[in-house]
C-alpha cells in the first residue's frame, strides 16, 4: 500500500510528490498521459514561464474567500519558491525586463519538467503513466482507487490521496476534466466551470482584419453596470478576434458574466489624449496617432471618426474631435464568444476554497483526501501566476498528506 497516492502528474502533482516523498511518505503518482508534466512542456511557447517576478493576491480571481487565498500564498512566499527552483532544482532563472516573467535561462520547458521529475524520483516517488483513475472509494483505513491501466481494471490502496488532476484546458496534455468528476464523486461542491485565459472571438470584420497587430491598452471589464476590473496590458488582434495578455486576462469576465470590454488605446485616458493633441497641434492627425499606435489601427480609428488622416490637429472641427476622443479613450471591443478549452490556458471554477481546510488543503467532506492546483476555483492572470498557484498548493497538499501519517 502507498502512503500517499497522487492523482495527476502535472505541475501541482509533481510538487506534491516531491514534498510528500521528502517528508518520508511512500508516494505513487498516477498520470493518465504517457508522460508527466506535458502541460509544462507546452507552456510559454516551449520556454515555460516558471514564475512571475512579483505577485500579490490581486493577481488572482476566485469566487471564494480572499482571506483564504492570502493565507495560502503565505505558506510559501514567492521568493522562497524562486529559491527552490534556483537552488534546490538548480534551474537558473532569468527575468524578462519588459514583462517581469521568470523563465529558465536555457529557455527550455523540458529542463523544468525533467528537474521536477528527477526531484520526485530522488525522493523515492513511483511515477506510473497511462493510469486513469476512474473512482475513489473511502474506506475505514484509507482509500481504494479504481484504475484503468494497460487495458485492465485494477485497484490500488492508499492511506492518503492527493487530487492534482488539473482542469480541462489544453486537453491534448491530459487535462480532460476527469479530476472534477472525481472531486464531485467524493462529495465536493463544484463552482460552475468555464474556459479562462482564453482568446475571444469578435463579429467585427474590420477589427479581425488587423490580425497580427499588437497595441498597449488599459482595459476594463463592465458587468452589472460596474467596472469589475481594469489593467494595463498589450492587446493582440487575431483572425478570429482578440488575444494577448489584455484579452486573456479579461476573458473570464466575458465568459463567466457576459461583461463588456472597453479599452483606452496606448493606456491613455481622454485627458491624456487631449493633452497629446494640444502638445502636437501642428502635426497631421495620422502622424500624431502613429506615434502611439500601429498605422493600420490608426487608419481604422480615423475612418470610424470620419476624419481625413491628412488633417492637421489645428484643422479638426470640434465635432470631429468629440468623435475621436471616445474612440481613443473608451473603445468597445465587440465579442461574440471564445475559443473554448482547446485554446484556454486554464479552467475557471471547480472545487471551492471553502471545501478544504486552508491550513492543509485536506477535504472537509472526505478526510484524508487533499486537493491542489487547477482543480480549485482560482485562476491567476497571464505571466506565471497559475504555475505559482500550482507550486504553492501542490507543496502544501503533499506536505500535509505526509504529515498526517505521523
Protein backbone atom coordinates (compact mmCIF):
# COMPACT_ATOMS: atom_id res chain seq x y z
CA UNK A 1 0.00 0.00 0.00
CA UNK A 2 1.20 3.53 -0.81
CA UNK A 3 1.12 6.05 1.98
CA UNK A 4 0.13 8.78 -0.49
CA UNK A 5 -1.29 8.35 -3.99
CA UNK A 6 -1.29 11.49 -6.10
CA UNK A 7 -3.82 11.61 -8.93
CA UNK A 8 -2.17 13.64 -11.68
CA UNK A 9 1.46 14.19 -12.63
CA UNK A 10 1.32 17.81 -13.75
CA UNK A 11 2.83 20.87 -12.09
CA UNK A 12 0.87 20.61 -8.83
CA UNK A 13 1.07 16.82 -8.71
CA UNK A 14 4.84 16.69 -9.17
CA UNK A 15 5.34 19.34 -6.49
CA UNK A 16 3.07 17.44 -4.11
CA UNK A 17 5.01 14.25 -4.82
CA UNK A 18 8.38 15.87 -4.16
CA UNK A 19 7.42 17.25 -0.77
CA UNK A 20 5.42 14.21 0.34
CA UNK A 21 8.34 11.97 -0.60
CA UNK A 22 10.86 14.18 1.15
CA UNK A 23 8.70 14.03 4.27
CA UNK A 24 9.20 10.27 4.34
CA UNK A 25 5.96 9.03 2.78
CA UNK A 26 5.82 6.21 0.24
CA UNK A 27 4.37 8.07 -2.74
CA UNK A 28 2.87 6.94 -6.02
CA UNK A 29 1.82 9.30 -8.81
CA UNK A 30 -0.86 8.14 -11.26
CA UNK A 31 -0.74 10.08 -14.55
CA UNK A 32 -3.24 9.46 -17.35
CA UNK A 33 -0.90 10.57 -20.17
CA UNK A 34 2.17 8.77 -21.42
CA UNK A 35 4.46 11.18 -19.52
CA UNK A 36 4.28 13.55 -16.59
CA UNK A 37 4.24 17.32 -16.97
CA UNK A 38 3.03 17.59 -20.58
CA UNK A 39 1.39 20.95 -19.88
CA UNK A 40 4.70 22.23 -18.52
CA UNK A 41 6.36 21.26 -21.81
CA UNK A 42 4.00 23.35 -23.96
CA UNK A 43 3.83 26.36 -21.63
CA UNK A 44 5.33 29.66 -22.66
CA UNK A 45 5.81 28.52 -26.23
CA UNK A 46 8.07 25.71 -25.01
CA UNK A 47 10.02 28.04 -22.70
CA UNK A 48 7.91 27.68 -19.51
CA UNK A 49 7.13 30.89 -17.65
CA UNK A 50 8.02 29.31 -14.29
CA UNK A 51 7.03 32.24 -12.07
CA UNK A 52 6.10 35.91 -12.11
CA UNK A 53 8.76 38.34 -10.97
CA UNK A 54 6.35 39.79 -8.40
CA UNK A 55 2.88 38.85 -7.19
CA UNK A 56 0.13 39.63 -4.73
CA UNK A 57 -3.36 38.14 -4.24
CA UNK A 58 -4.92 40.74 -6.54
CA UNK A 59 -3.33 38.83 -9.43
CA UNK A 60 -5.81 36.00 -8.78
CA UNK A 61 -9.58 35.58 -9.06
CA UNK A 62 -11.78 33.29 -7.02
CA UNK A 63 -15.42 33.31 -6.01
CA UNK A 64 -14.23 32.04 -2.64
CA UNK A 65 -12.60 33.77 0.31
CA UNK A 66 -9.89 36.32 -0.48
CA UNK A 67 -8.56 35.79 3.04
CA UNK A 68 -8.04 32.09 2.35
CA UNK A 69 -6.26 32.99 -0.87
CA UNK A 70 -3.87 35.30 1.01
CA UNK A 71 -3.35 32.68 3.68
CA UNK A 72 -2.36 30.03 1.15
CA UNK A 73 0.25 32.23 -0.50
CA UNK A 74 1.79 32.96 2.88
CA UNK A 75 2.59 29.25 3.26
CA UNK A 76 5.29 29.55 0.56
CA UNK A 77 6.22 33.12 -0.39
CA UNK A 78 7.28 33.84 -3.95
CA UNK A 79 10.92 34.46 -3.03
CA UNK A 80 11.10 31.04 -1.38
CA UNK A 81 9.51 29.35 -4.40
CA UNK A 82 12.10 31.01 -6.62
CA UNK A 83 14.88 29.80 -4.32
CA UNK A 84 13.52 26.25 -4.61
CA UNK A 85 13.82 26.31 -8.39
CA UNK A 86 17.19 28.04 -8.48
CA UNK A 87 18.96 26.41 -5.52
CA UNK A 88 17.16 23.10 -5.00
CA UNK A 89 16.43 22.16 -8.61
CA UNK A 90 19.49 24.06 -9.93
CA UNK A 91 17.48 25.81 -12.65
CA UNK A 92 18.93 29.22 -13.48
CA UNK A 93 16.07 31.69 -13.94
CA UNK A 94 16.14 34.94 -15.89
CA UNK A 95 13.63 37.78 -15.72
CA UNK A 96 12.29 39.43 -18.85
CA UNK A 97 12.63 43.13 -18.16
CA UNK A 98 9.54 44.21 -20.10
CA UNK A 99 7.13 41.59 -18.76
CA UNK A 100 8.60 40.70 -15.37
CA UNK A 101 8.22 36.99 -16.21
CA UNK A 102 10.74 34.42 -14.98
CA UNK A 103 11.94 31.82 -17.50
CA UNK A 104 14.69 29.22 -17.29
CA UNK A 105 17.90 30.70 -18.66
CA UNK A 106 18.03 27.72 -21.03
CA UNK A 107 14.61 28.73 -22.47
CA UNK A 108 13.73 25.06 -22.12
CA UNK A 109 10.45 23.93 -20.59
CA UNK A 110 11.83 20.41 -20.79
CA UNK A 111 14.54 21.31 -18.31
CA UNK A 112 11.87 22.42 -15.81
CA UNK A 113 9.78 19.28 -16.30
CA UNK A 114 12.79 16.96 -16.15
CA UNK A 115 14.19 18.53 -12.98
CA UNK A 116 10.81 18.20 -11.26
CA UNK A 117 10.52 14.57 -12.33
CA UNK A 118 14.10 13.93 -11.22
CA UNK A 119 13.46 15.51 -7.82
CA UNK A 120 10.38 13.34 -7.35
CA UNK A 121 12.29 10.18 -8.26
CA UNK A 122 15.13 11.17 -5.93
CA UNK A 123 12.55 11.45 -3.15
CA UNK A 124 11.57 7.83 -3.79
CA UNK A 125 8.36 8.59 -5.67
CA UNK A 126 6.95 5.96 -8.04
CA UNK A 127 5.66 7.54 -11.26
CA UNK A 128 3.08 5.48 -13.15
CA UNK A 129 1.90 6.80 -16.54
CA UNK A 130 -1.10 5.71 -18.61
CA UNK A 131 -3.01 5.10 -15.38
CA UNK A 132 -6.52 6.59 -15.41
CA UNK A 133 -8.28 6.83 -12.04
CA UNK A 134 -11.97 6.05 -12.53
CA UNK A 135 -13.13 6.15 -8.96
CA UNK A 136 -12.04 6.69 -5.37
CA UNK A 137 -13.67 4.73 -2.54
CA UNK A 138 -13.28 5.99 1.00
CA UNK A 139 -12.67 3.06 3.39
CA UNK A 140 -12.26 2.92 7.15
CA UNK A 141 -8.48 2.71 6.94
CA UNK A 142 -7.88 4.79 3.82
CA UNK A 143 -8.89 4.68 0.19
CA UNK A 144 -9.25 2.30 -2.72
CA UNK A 145 -8.59 3.73 -6.18
CA UNK A 146 -10.21 2.08 -9.17
CA UNK A 147 -7.75 2.45 -12.04
CA UNK A 148 -7.61 1.58 -15.74
CA UNK A 149 -4.06 0.69 -16.79
CA UNK A 150 -2.83 -1.09 -19.93
CA UNK A 151 -6.36 -2.11 -20.81
CA UNK A 152 -7.03 -3.69 -17.44
CA UNK A 153 -9.02 -2.60 -14.40
CA UNK A 154 -7.02 -2.69 -11.19
CA UNK A 155 -7.46 -1.49 -7.63
CA UNK A 156 -4.78 0.37 -5.68
CA UNK A 157 -4.98 1.01 -1.92
CA UNK A 158 -3.77 4.25 -0.36
CA UNK A 159 -3.70 5.74 3.10
CA UNK A 160 -3.95 9.29 1.75
CA UNK A 161 -4.95 10.69 -1.65
CA UNK A 162 -3.99 13.99 -3.30
CA UNK A 163 -6.21 15.16 -6.15
CA UNK A 164 -3.98 17.02 -8.61
CA UNK A 165 -5.63 16.05 -11.89
CA UNK A 166 -5.68 19.56 -13.36
CA UNK A 167 -8.51 21.27 -15.22
CA UNK A 168 -9.82 20.69 -18.71
CA UNK A 169 -7.94 23.31 -20.69
CA UNK A 170 -5.49 22.12 -23.36
CA UNK A 171 -6.95 18.58 -23.24
CA UNK A 172 -4.20 17.24 -25.51
CA UNK A 173 -1.90 17.43 -22.48
CA UNK A 174 -4.12 15.08 -20.47
CA UNK A 175 -6.21 17.76 -18.76
CA UNK A 176 -9.56 16.27 -19.69
CA UNK A 177 -11.60 17.40 -16.69
CA UNK A 178 -11.73 13.95 -15.10
CA UNK A 179 -10.46 15.38 -11.83
CA UNK A 180 -13.66 17.38 -11.42
CA UNK A 181 -15.72 14.20 -11.70
CA UNK A 182 -13.56 12.58 -9.02
CA UNK A 183 -13.98 15.63 -6.79
CA UNK A 184 -17.76 15.61 -7.25
CA UNK A 185 -17.91 11.87 -6.55
CA UNK A 186 -16.10 12.42 -3.25
CA UNK A 187 -18.79 14.87 -2.12
CA UNK A 188 -17.19 18.19 -3.07
CA UNK A 189 -19.38 21.05 -4.24
CA UNK A 190 -18.15 22.49 -7.54
CA UNK A 191 -18.38 26.04 -8.84
CA UNK A 192 -19.55 26.14 -12.48
CA UNK A 193 -16.57 25.72 -14.80
CA UNK A 194 -15.56 27.79 -17.82
CA UNK A 195 -12.52 28.33 -20.07
CA UNK A 196 -10.29 31.11 -18.73
CA UNK A 197 -7.27 32.94 -20.11
CA UNK A 198 -8.89 32.18 -23.43
CA UNK A 199 -8.80 34.08 -26.77
CA UNK A 200 -12.03 35.92 -27.56
CA UNK A 201 -13.93 35.92 -30.84
CA UNK A 202 -15.26 39.10 -32.45
CA UNK A 203 -18.01 39.71 -35.03
CA UNK A 204 -16.20 42.86 -36.25
CA UNK A 205 -14.57 42.00 -39.59
CA UNK A 206 -12.57 45.25 -39.67
CA UNK A 207 -11.00 44.51 -36.32
CA UNK A 208 -10.29 40.91 -37.31
CA UNK A 209 -8.53 42.24 -40.42
CA UNK A 210 -5.93 43.78 -38.11
CA UNK A 211 -4.65 40.27 -37.29
CA UNK A 212 -1.07 40.25 -36.08
CA UNK A 213 -1.13 43.81 -34.73
CA UNK A 214 -0.45 44.43 -31.06
CA UNK A 215 -1.16 47.60 -29.12
CA UNK A 216 -0.83 48.67 -25.47
CA UNK A 217 -4.19 49.26 -23.79
CA UNK A 218 -5.81 49.90 -20.47
CA UNK A 219 -8.77 47.54 -20.45
CA UNK A 220 -11.77 47.49 -18.19
CA UNK A 221 -14.50 44.89 -17.82
CA UNK A 222 -18.03 46.21 -17.23
CA UNK A 223 -20.73 43.92 -15.83
CA UNK A 224 -23.88 44.76 -13.95
CA UNK A 225 -23.29 48.45 -14.55
CA UNK A 226 -19.95 48.38 -12.70
CA UNK A 227 -16.30 48.25 -13.67
CA UNK A 228 -15.20 44.87 -12.33
CA UNK A 229 -11.50 45.07 -13.13
CA UNK A 230 -9.06 47.26 -15.02
CA UNK A 231 -5.43 46.68 -16.01
CA UNK A 232 -2.79 47.80 -18.48
CA UNK A 233 -1.51 45.08 -20.82
CA UNK A 234 -0.88 44.55 -24.56
CA UNK A 235 -3.79 43.52 -26.81
CA UNK A 236 -3.25 41.28 -29.84
CA UNK A 237 -5.60 41.20 -32.84
CA UNK A 238 -6.21 37.75 -34.36
CA UNK A 239 -8.05 36.48 -37.42
CA UNK A 240 -10.87 35.42 -35.09
CA UNK A 241 -10.84 38.28 -32.58
CA UNK A 242 -8.57 39.19 -29.67
CA UNK A 243 -5.75 37.61 -27.74
CA UNK A 244 -2.60 38.72 -25.96
CA UNK A 245 -2.31 39.39 -22.21
CA UNK A 246 -5.11 42.01 -22.15
CA UNK A 247 -7.76 39.82 -23.80
CA UNK A 248 -6.71 36.67 -21.95
CA UNK A 249 -6.68 38.35 -18.54
CA UNK A 250 -10.08 39.94 -19.18
CA UNK A 251 -11.65 36.87 -20.76
CA UNK A 252 -13.01 35.31 -17.57
CA UNK A 253 -15.27 38.34 -17.05
CA UNK A 254 -16.64 37.96 -20.57
CA UNK A 255 -17.07 34.18 -20.43
CA UNK A 256 -18.49 33.96 -16.92
CA UNK A 257 -20.53 37.17 -16.62
CA UNK A 258 -21.00 38.39 -20.18
CA UNK A 259 -19.01 41.53 -19.41
CA UNK A 260 -18.36 44.25 -21.98
CA UNK A 261 -14.72 45.14 -22.62
CA UNK A 262 -13.64 48.71 -23.24
CA UNK A 263 -10.08 49.84 -23.92
CA UNK A 264 -8.10 53.05 -23.79
CA UNK A 265 -5.57 52.82 -26.61
CA UNK A 266 -1.96 53.37 -25.53
CA UNK A 267 -3.36 53.17 -21.98
CA UNK A 268 -4.23 56.89 -22.23
CA UNK A 269 -7.47 58.32 -20.90
CA UNK A 270 -9.40 61.18 -22.52
CA UNK A 271 -7.40 63.86 -20.72
CA UNK A 272 -4.11 62.31 -21.82
CA UNK A 273 -5.26 62.18 -25.45
CA UNK A 274 -6.46 65.78 -25.27
CA UNK A 275 -3.06 66.80 -23.93
CA UNK A 276 -1.29 64.92 -26.73
CA UNK A 277 -3.42 66.68 -29.34
CA UNK A 278 -2.69 70.09 -27.84
CA UNK A 279 1.04 69.42 -27.49
CA UNK A 280 1.40 68.40 -31.16
CA UNK A 281 -1.35 70.53 -32.68
CA UNK A 282 0.60 71.30 -35.88
CA UNK A 283 1.09 67.63 -36.75
CA UNK A 284 -1.06 65.68 -39.15
CA UNK A 285 -3.52 63.68 -37.07
CA UNK A 286 -2.49 60.33 -38.61
CA UNK A 287 1.18 61.03 -37.88
CA UNK A 288 0.43 62.03 -34.29
CA UNK A 289 -1.64 58.93 -33.58
CA UNK A 290 1.00 56.84 -35.33
CA UNK A 291 3.45 57.90 -32.63
CA UNK A 292 1.36 55.84 -30.19
CA UNK A 293 -0.41 53.15 -32.21
CA UNK A 294 0.13 50.88 -35.25
CA UNK A 295 -0.70 52.61 -38.53
CA UNK A 296 -3.43 50.19 -39.59
CA UNK A 297 -5.22 50.70 -36.28
CA UNK A 298 -4.85 54.48 -36.71
CA UNK A 299 -6.45 54.25 -40.15
CA UNK A 300 -9.39 52.28 -38.74
CA UNK A 301 -9.98 54.71 -35.87
CA UNK A 302 -9.84 57.77 -38.14
CA UNK A 303 -12.18 56.12 -40.61
CA UNK A 304 -14.71 55.43 -37.84
CA UNK A 305 -14.38 59.02 -36.65
CA UNK A 306 -14.82 60.19 -40.25
CA UNK A 307 -11.63 62.25 -40.08
CA UNK A 308 -9.18 62.51 -43.04
CA UNK A 309 -5.74 61.46 -41.84
CA UNK A 310 -4.02 64.33 -43.65
CA UNK A 311 -5.73 66.96 -41.49
CA UNK A 312 -3.57 68.76 -39.01
CA UNK A 313 -4.84 68.80 -35.45
CA UNK A 314 -5.50 72.52 -35.68
CA UNK A 315 -7.73 71.91 -38.72
CA UNK A 316 -10.01 69.47 -36.95
CA UNK A 317 -13.58 70.61 -36.34
CA UNK A 318 -14.70 70.39 -32.68
CA UNK A 319 -17.30 67.79 -33.71
CA UNK A 320 -14.54 65.63 -35.24
CA UNK A 321 -12.53 65.92 -32.07
CA UNK A 322 -15.54 64.91 -29.97
CA UNK A 323 -15.97 61.82 -32.17
CA UNK A 324 -12.31 60.87 -31.99
CA UNK A 325 -11.57 61.13 -28.26
CA UNK A 326 -14.08 58.41 -27.17
CA UNK A 327 -12.70 56.08 -29.85
CA UNK A 328 -9.22 56.60 -28.45
CA UNK A 329 -10.03 56.51 -24.74
CA UNK A 330 -13.12 54.30 -24.42
CA UNK A 331 -13.31 51.92 -27.37
CA UNK A 332 -15.62 48.92 -27.05
CA UNK A 333 -14.17 45.58 -28.13
CA UNK A 334 -17.12 43.66 -29.60
CA UNK A 335 -17.07 39.96 -28.67
CA UNK A 336 -19.35 37.06 -29.53
CA UNK A 337 -17.71 34.02 -27.94
CA UNK A 338 -14.42 32.42 -27.05
CA UNK A 339 -12.06 29.74 -28.35
CA UNK A 340 -13.03 27.18 -25.68
CA UNK A 341 -10.99 24.76 -23.63
CA UNK A 342 -8.78 23.72 -26.55
CA UNK A 343 -7.17 27.17 -26.56
CA UNK A 344 -7.73 28.19 -22.93
CA UNK A 345 -4.69 28.39 -20.67
CA UNK A 346 -6.61 27.37 -17.55
CA UNK A 347 -10.02 26.31 -16.27
CA UNK A 348 -12.09 28.63 -14.12
CA UNK A 349 -14.47 27.30 -11.48
CA UNK A 350 -14.07 23.93 -9.79
CA UNK A 351 -13.62 22.96 -6.15
CA UNK A 352 -14.47 25.89 -3.91
CA UNK A 353 -11.81 27.06 -1.45
CA UNK A 354 -14.33 26.53 1.33
CA UNK A 355 -14.34 22.78 0.60
CA UNK A 356 -10.91 22.30 2.20
CA UNK A 357 -9.07 23.15 5.40
CA UNK A 358 -6.99 26.19 4.36
CA UNK A 359 -4.14 25.16 6.66
CA UNK A 360 -3.64 21.77 4.99
CA UNK A 361 -5.87 21.59 1.87
CA UNK A 362 -7.48 18.48 3.35
CA UNK A 363 -11.04 17.91 2.21
CA UNK A 364 -13.74 18.72 4.72
CA UNK A 365 -16.12 16.15 3.22
CA UNK A 366 -13.58 13.37 2.66
CA UNK A 367 -10.89 13.39 5.37
CA UNK A 368 -7.57 12.02 4.18
CA UNK A 369 -8.07 13.43 0.68
CA UNK A 370 -6.25 16.61 -0.35
CA UNK A 371 -6.86 18.98 -3.28
CA UNK A 372 -4.41 21.20 -5.15
CA UNK A 373 -3.72 23.07 -8.38
CA UNK A 374 -6.14 23.88 -11.17
CA UNK A 375 -8.96 21.83 -9.63
CA UNK A 376 -9.64 24.79 -7.35
CA UNK A 377 -11.94 27.69 -8.20
CA UNK A 378 -8.94 30.01 -8.53
CA UNK A 379 -7.25 31.47 -11.61
CA UNK A 380 -4.28 33.78 -11.99
CA UNK A 381 -3.60 36.23 -14.77
CA UNK A 382 -1.08 35.65 -17.55
CA UNK A 383 2.59 35.63 -16.60
CA UNK A 384 3.42 32.58 -14.47
CA UNK A 385 0.77 33.18 -11.84
CA UNK A 386 -1.06 29.90 -12.44
CA UNK A 387 2.21 27.99 -12.11
CA UNK A 388 2.79 29.83 -8.82
CA UNK A 389 -0.63 28.64 -7.65
CA UNK A 390 0.23 25.06 -8.69
CA UNK A 391 3.60 25.10 -6.91
CA UNK A 392 2.23 26.61 -3.68
CA UNK A 393 -0.86 24.42 -3.36
CA UNK A 394 0.95 21.29 -4.56
CA UNK A 395 3.64 21.67 -1.91
CA UNK A 396 1.11 22.30 0.86
CA UNK A 397 -1.08 19.33 -0.11
CA UNK A 398 1.88 16.95 -0.38
CA UNK A 399 3.48 18.03 2.88
CA UNK A 400 0.15 17.95 4.70
CA UNK A 401 -0.75 14.49 3.42
CA UNK A 402 2.61 13.12 4.57
CA UNK A 403 2.48 14.92 7.92
CA UNK A 404 -0.98 13.48 8.67
CA UNK A 405 0.50 9.98 8.59
CA UNK A 406 2.60 10.79 11.63
